Amino acid sequence: MTKPALTLFLAAPRGFCAGVDRAIKIVEMALEKWGAPVYVRHEIVHNKFVVDGLRAKGAVFVEELDECPDGRPVIFSAHGVPKSVPAAADARELTYVDATCPLVSKVHIEAQRHAEAGLQIIMIGHKGHPETIGTMGQLPEGEVLLVETPSDVADVEVRNPAQLAYVTQTTLSVDDTKGIVAALEARFPKIIGPHKEDICYATTNRQEAVKEVAPRADALLVVGAPNSSNSRRLVEVGAKNGCDYAQLVQRAENIDWRALEGIKSIAITAGASAPELLVNEVIDAFRDRYDVTVEVVETAVERVEFKVPRVLRHTGA
């Protein structure tokens, strides 16, 4: 039986970013150095396949530090943690490795510097997301105020409108964030923004690639986890940029084939915590059903790398 023809637009960049790659390496190197079990506070990155793979090697994932026993190393996830967490680890004399993405750490440092200058901080982010919790936890309660939408800006109560700065979560929608920043600047004309954009290069690049492929495809699939902020934003960006059907799938087995009946083209990308193996799995699933022509649509080239902490490097590295 002849398979129907399908053009598959493969977005690039996609998948792992430098911060995710570094965080995974940290867990793997910690297991090599100290043996199993190594404890990880929160999912190291938001991807079930990655987490399950590390769990099989001996990583134990917990939500709070008090779930970690004395005498075993603990790793803090790529999303960052409040200052109280390493302080509690120090108090217990735990060995720990901080896998916070350096671009998230950059936001932490910005917030600290603004606070030292006497400014109150407004954070643009998603309530309850571990990165937002970690960033807000760099300063005492009340020093960082959270807004999620432009309408939140009208209700935020600040100490002094002339002494404000804002920071953002690194995985937000670029376009949505512009609207919130505009609302902040309209209400607080003296508010100070980041020296350099807080939304990370990987988030921006993946959204730009989706903007390029979405109008050309009948459907868009984003390979990623439902608790991955940057993956969910890619779905939203696709829907806002001309793709009537944009869905998040964790693996090929999650594809709704009935919803895709009759399509002539599909765009595929992956969130920053989704491995390329899962992208290839999805592509293979389409090859099983269609005569697929793959067209790579590349909008940027990424060469960013982050070093792992010195404690995990080999002597002389």
Protein backbone atom coordinates (compact mmCIF):
# COMPACT_ATOMS: atom_id res chain seq x y z
CA MET A 1 0.00 0.00 0.00
CA THR A 2 1.37 3.39 -1.01
CA LYS A 3 2.01 5.72 1.88
CA PRO A 4 0.68 9.29 1.66
CA ALA A 5 3.30 11.97 1.08
CA LEU A 6 4.23 14.20 4.02
CA THR A 7 6.63 17.13 4.27
CA LEU A 8 8.23 17.26 7.71
CA PHE A 9 9.68 20.62 8.70
CA LEU A 10 12.31 19.98 11.36
CA ALA A 11 12.99 23.11 13.40
CA ALA A 12 16.53 24.02 14.36
CA PRO A 13 17.68 24.79 16.96
CA ARG A 14 15.66 22.34 19.05
CA GLY A 15 16.17 20.08 22.04
CA PHE A 16 18.91 20.20 24.66
CA CYS A 17 20.41 23.56 25.57
CA ALA A 18 23.80 24.03 27.21
CA GLY A 19 22.32 24.38 30.70
CA VAL A 20 20.37 21.12 30.43
CA ASP A 21 23.34 19.27 28.97
CA ARG A 22 25.52 20.52 31.83
CA ALA A 23 22.98 19.53 34.50
CA ILE A 24 22.67 15.98 33.18
CA LYS A 25 26.46 15.63 33.03
CA ILE A 26 26.68 16.80 36.64
CA VAL A 27 24.43 13.97 37.81
CA GLU A 28 26.29 11.40 35.71
CA MET A 29 29.68 12.62 36.93
CA ALA A 30 28.50 12.69 40.54
CA LEU A 31 27.44 9.04 40.21
CA GLU A 32 30.88 8.20 38.81
CA LYS A 33 32.64 10.06 41.61
CA TRP A 34 30.58 9.05 44.64
CA GLY A 35 28.64 6.02 43.45
CA ALA A 36 24.92 5.42 43.94
CA PRO A 37 22.78 6.72 45.41
CA VAL A 38 23.19 10.39 44.60
CA TYR A 39 20.23 12.54 45.63
CA VAL A 40 18.78 15.23 43.36
CA ARG A 41 16.51 17.93 44.75
CA HIS A 42 13.67 18.27 42.24
CA GLU A 43 13.83 16.82 38.71
CA ILE A 44 17.26 17.76 37.36
CA VAL A 45 15.49 18.90 34.18
CA HIS A 46 11.82 18.65 33.24
CA ASN A 47 11.80 15.50 31.14
CA LYS A 48 10.54 12.09 32.29
CA PHE A 49 12.74 10.12 29.89
CA VAL A 50 15.88 11.88 31.13
CA VAL A 51 14.89 11.57 34.79
CA ASP A 52 14.02 7.88 34.44
CA GLY A 53 17.37 7.24 32.74
CA LEU A 54 19.28 8.87 35.58
CA ARG A 55 17.14 7.09 38.16
CA ALA A 56 18.12 3.78 36.58
CA LYS A 57 21.78 4.72 37.08
CA GLY A 58 21.27 5.41 40.78
CA ALA A 59 19.97 8.96 41.09
CA VAL A 60 17.23 9.45 43.70
CA PHE A 61 14.92 12.38 43.06
CA VAL A 62 13.33 14.18 46.00
CA GLU A 63 11.39 17.40 46.37
CA GLU A 64 12.90 18.71 49.59
CA LEU A 65 16.31 18.60 51.22
CA ASP A 66 14.98 16.93 54.37
CA GLU A 67 14.30 13.82 52.26
CA CYS A 68 18.05 13.46 51.68
CA PRO A 69 19.95 11.33 54.22
CA ASP A 70 23.13 12.46 55.93
CA GLY A 71 26.34 11.27 54.36
CA ARG A 72 25.22 11.19 50.72
CA PRO A 73 25.76 13.91 48.10
CA VAL A 74 22.88 16.00 46.81
CA ILE A 75 22.52 17.95 43.57
CA PHE A 76 20.38 21.04 43.07
CA SER A 77 18.43 21.09 39.79
CA ALA A 78 19.10 23.27 36.75
CA HIS A 79 16.16 25.52 37.71
CA GLY A 80 17.96 26.96 40.75
CA VAL A 81 17.05 26.98 44.43
CA PRO A 82 16.33 29.60 47.11
CA LYS A 83 19.32 30.62 49.23
CA SER A 84 17.79 28.75 52.16
CA VAL A 85 18.49 25.39 50.48
CA PRO A 86 22.32 25.52 50.29
CA ALA A 87 22.28 27.14 53.73
CA ALA A 88 20.37 24.14 55.10
CA ALA A 89 22.78 21.78 53.33
CA ASP A 90 25.74 23.58 54.89
CA ALA A 91 24.12 23.35 58.32
CA ARG A 92 23.88 19.57 57.90
CA GLU A 93 27.40 19.40 56.44
CA LEU A 94 26.07 17.74 53.30
CA THR A 95 28.18 17.49 50.17
CA TYR A 96 26.24 19.22 47.42
CA VAL A 97 26.72 20.29 43.81
CA ASP A 98 24.73 23.17 42.35
CA ALA A 99 23.56 22.35 38.80
CA THR A 100 21.72 25.67 38.40
CA CYS A 101 21.95 26.83 34.79
CA PRO A 102 24.51 29.67 34.61
CA LEU A 103 21.92 31.83 32.83
CA VAL A 104 19.55 31.37 35.76
CA SER A 105 22.41 32.19 38.15
CA LYS A 106 22.90 35.38 36.13
CA VAL A 107 19.33 36.42 37.02
CA HIS A 108 20.00 35.60 40.68
CA ILE A 109 23.07 37.85 40.64
CA GLU A 110 21.11 40.65 38.95
CA ALA A 111 18.42 40.51 41.61
CA GLN A 112 21.03 40.58 44.38
CA ARG A 113 22.79 43.61 42.86
CA HIS A 114 19.54 45.50 42.45
CA ALA A 115 18.65 44.78 46.08
CA GLU A 116 22.07 45.99 47.24
CA ALA A 117 21.35 49.23 45.35
CA GLY A 118 18.16 49.65 47.37
CA LEU A 119 15.75 48.58 44.64
CA GLN A 120 12.71 46.38 45.06
CA ILE A 121 12.43 43.68 42.38
CA ILE A 122 9.47 42.71 40.21
CA MET A 123 9.83 39.27 38.68
CA ILE A 124 8.02 38.28 35.51
CA GLY A 125 7.45 34.53 35.81
CA HIS A 126 5.08 31.66 36.47
CA LYS A 127 3.88 31.18 40.04
CA GLY A 128 5.03 27.87 41.49
CA HIS A 129 7.64 27.15 38.82
CA PRO A 130 10.90 26.04 40.50
CA GLU A 131 12.93 28.69 38.68
CA THR A 132 10.63 31.44 39.92
CA ILE A 133 10.73 30.03 43.46
CA GLY A 134 14.53 29.89 43.30
CA THR A 135 14.94 33.45 42.02
CA MET A 136 12.47 34.96 44.47
CA GLY A 137 14.21 33.02 47.22
CA GLN A 138 17.48 34.85 46.66
CA LEU A 139 16.15 37.79 48.68
CA PRO A 140 14.03 38.22 51.82
CA GLU A 141 10.27 37.88 51.48
CA GLY A 142 8.66 40.98 50.01
CA GLU A 143 11.77 42.10 48.15
CA VAL A 144 10.72 40.27 44.99
CA LEU A 145 7.16 40.67 43.72
CA LEU A 146 5.73 38.34 41.07
CA VAL A 147 3.68 39.30 38.01
CA GLU A 148 2.47 36.79 35.41
CA THR A 149 0.38 38.92 33.04
CA PRO A 150 0.02 42.58 31.99
CA SER A 151 -3.12 42.83 34.11
CA ASP A 152 -1.12 41.82 37.20
CA VAL A 153 0.96 44.96 36.80
CA ALA A 154 -1.99 47.21 37.65
CA ASP A 155 -2.47 45.46 40.99
CA VAL A 156 1.11 45.07 42.19
CA GLU A 157 1.84 47.08 45.34
CA VAL A 158 5.38 48.43 45.52
CA ARG A 159 7.31 50.19 48.24
CA ASN A 160 8.58 53.06 46.08
CA PRO A 161 7.68 53.43 42.38
CA ALA A 162 10.94 55.26 41.74
CA GLN A 163 13.12 52.45 43.11
CA LEU A 164 12.26 49.35 41.12
CA ALA A 165 13.95 46.86 38.83
CA TYR A 166 12.59 43.82 37.02
CA VAL A 167 13.95 40.39 36.15
CA THR A 168 12.32 37.52 34.28
CA GLN A 169 12.16 33.76 34.27
CA THR A 170 14.48 32.48 31.53
CA THR A 171 11.91 30.26 29.78
CA LEU A 172 9.05 32.65 29.05
CA SER A 173 7.37 33.53 25.77
CA VAL A 174 9.44 36.34 24.28
CA ASP A 175 6.39 38.07 22.80
CA ASP A 176 4.21 37.74 25.91
CA THR A 177 7.03 39.07 28.08
CA LYS A 178 7.34 42.17 25.90
CA GLY A 179 3.73 43.00 26.72
CA ILE A 180 4.33 42.66 30.45
CA VAL A 181 7.49 44.77 30.27
CA ALA A 182 5.56 47.45 28.38
CA ALA A 183 2.92 47.49 31.13
CA LEU A 184 5.62 47.77 33.81
CA GLU A 185 7.35 50.64 32.02
CA ALA A 186 4.04 52.44 31.47
CA ARG A 187 3.14 52.30 35.17
CA PHE A 188 6.67 52.67 36.54
CA PRO A 189 8.65 54.85 34.08
CA LYS A 190 11.81 54.68 36.22
CA ILE A 191 11.91 50.88 36.49
CA ILE A 192 15.29 49.37 35.57
CA GLY A 193 15.51 46.38 33.26
CA PRO A 194 18.22 43.75 32.82
CA HIS A 195 21.53 44.79 31.30
CA LYS A 196 21.03 41.86 28.92
CA GLU A 197 17.79 39.99 28.20
CA ASP A 198 16.95 37.47 30.94
CA ILE A 199 15.07 35.10 28.63
CA CYS A 200 17.83 32.72 27.65
CA TYR A 201 19.30 32.27 24.19
CA ALA A 202 17.91 28.74 23.89
CA THR A 203 14.33 29.77 24.68
CA THR A 204 14.55 32.66 22.22
CA ASN A 205 16.12 30.58 19.46
CA ARG A 206 13.59 27.76 19.74
CA GLN A 207 10.69 30.19 19.65
CA GLU A 208 12.13 31.94 16.57
CA ALA A 209 12.48 28.58 14.80
CA VAL A 210 8.84 27.74 15.59
CA LYS A 211 7.73 31.12 14.22
CA GLU A 212 9.46 30.17 10.97
CA VAL A 213 7.98 26.68 10.58
CA ALA A 214 4.49 27.13 12.07
CA PRO A 215 2.93 29.07 9.16
CA ARG A 216 4.23 26.48 6.70
CA ALA A 217 2.81 23.37 8.37
CA ASP A 218 -0.66 21.87 8.83
CA ALA A 219 0.31 20.82 12.35
CA LEU A 220 3.08 21.30 14.91
CA LEU A 221 4.32 18.77 17.46
CA VAL A 222 6.57 19.89 20.30
CA VAL A 223 8.49 17.05 21.92
CA GLY A 224 8.66 17.85 25.62
CA ALA A 225 7.21 17.35 29.06
CA PRO A 226 3.97 18.93 30.33
CA ASN A 227 5.86 20.51 33.26
CA SER A 228 8.47 22.04 30.95
CA SER A 229 7.83 25.78 30.73
CA ASN A 230 9.90 26.32 27.59
CA SER A 231 8.19 23.39 25.81
CA ARG A 232 4.72 24.67 26.62
CA ARG A 233 5.68 28.11 25.36
CA LEU A 234 6.68 26.56 22.01
CA VAL A 235 3.18 25.16 21.64
CA GLU A 236 1.71 28.59 22.35
CA VAL A 237 4.07 30.29 19.91
CA GLY A 238 3.12 27.82 17.18
CA ALA A 239 -0.60 28.37 17.76
CA LYS A 240 -0.13 32.16 17.65
CA ASN A 241 1.89 32.01 14.44
CA GLY A 242 -0.44 30.33 12.02
CA CYS A 243 -0.51 26.67 13.04
CA ASP A 244 -4.08 25.54 13.71
CA TYR A 245 -3.01 22.31 15.41
CA ALA A 246 -0.12 22.62 17.88
CA GLN A 247 0.37 19.94 20.51
CA LEU A 248 2.88 18.82 23.12
CA VAL A 249 3.92 15.14 23.04
CA GLN A 250 6.29 13.41 25.43
CA ARG A 251 6.99 10.50 23.08
CA ALA A 252 5.82 9.01 19.76
CA GLU A 253 3.28 6.89 21.62
CA ASN A 254 1.47 10.10 22.66
CA ILE A 255 0.77 11.26 19.09
CA ASP A 256 -2.95 11.59 18.30
CA TRP A 257 -2.95 10.12 14.80
CA ARG A 258 -6.68 10.61 14.30
CA ALA A 259 -6.26 14.35 14.82
CA LEU A 260 -3.59 14.38 12.10
CA GLU A 261 -5.62 12.60 9.42
CA GLY A 262 -5.37 14.30 6.05
CA ILE A 263 -2.33 16.48 6.83
CA LYS A 264 0.20 17.19 4.08
CA SER A 265 2.87 18.75 6.28
CA ILE A 266 4.02 18.62 9.90
CA ALA A 267 6.48 20.75 11.87
CA ILE A 268 8.46 19.18 14.67
CA THR A 269 10.58 20.77 17.37
CA ALA A 270 11.64 19.92 20.92
CA GLY A 271 11.87 21.79 24.19
CA ALA A 272 15.26 22.50 25.74
CA SER A 273 15.05 19.50 28.08
CA ALA A 274 14.01 16.93 25.44
CA PRO A 275 16.72 14.62 24.04
CA GLU A 276 17.18 14.21 20.28
CA LEU A 277 16.52 10.49 20.67
CA LEU A 278 12.86 11.29 21.34
CA VAL A 279 12.70 13.58 18.29
CA ASN A 280 14.06 10.75 16.13
CA GLU A 281 11.49 8.41 17.66
CA VAL A 282 8.70 10.77 16.56
CA ILE A 283 10.16 11.13 13.06
CA ASP A 284 10.40 7.33 12.73
CA ALA A 285 6.75 7.04 13.75
CA PHE A 286 5.81 9.35 10.86
CA ARG A 287 8.03 7.38 8.47
CA ASP A 288 6.07 4.26 9.41
CA ARG A 289 2.86 5.90 8.22
CA TYR A 290 3.93 8.38 5.55
CA ASP A 291 6.36 8.85 2.69
CA VAL A 292 8.29 11.54 4.55
CA THR A 293 10.42 14.30 3.06
CA VAL A 294 12.40 16.06 5.78
CA GLU A 295 13.24 19.75 5.43
CA VAL A 296 15.45 21.21 8.15
CA VAL A 297 14.57 24.84 8.88
CA GLU A 298 17.50 26.41 10.71
CA THR A 299 17.21 29.93 12.10
CA ALA A 300 20.28 29.99 14.38
CA VAL A 301 23.43 28.02 15.19
CA GLU A 302 24.21 27.39 18.87
CA ARG A 303 27.75 26.86 20.10
CA VAL A 304 27.24 27.62 23.80
CA GLU A 305 28.85 25.28 26.35
CA PHE A 306 28.99 25.51 30.14
CA LYS A 307 31.68 23.88 32.26
CA VAL A 308 30.76 21.51 35.05
CA PRO A 309 31.71 22.48 38.64
CA ARG A 310 35.36 22.02 39.51
CA VAL A 311 34.60 19.44 42.23
CA LEU A 312 33.50 17.01 39.50
CA ARG A 313 36.30 17.61 37.02
CA HIS A 314 39.20 15.23 36.64
CA THR A 315 42.52 16.35 38.05
CA GLY A 316 44.13 18.81 35.65
CA ALA A 317 40.87 19.66 33.86
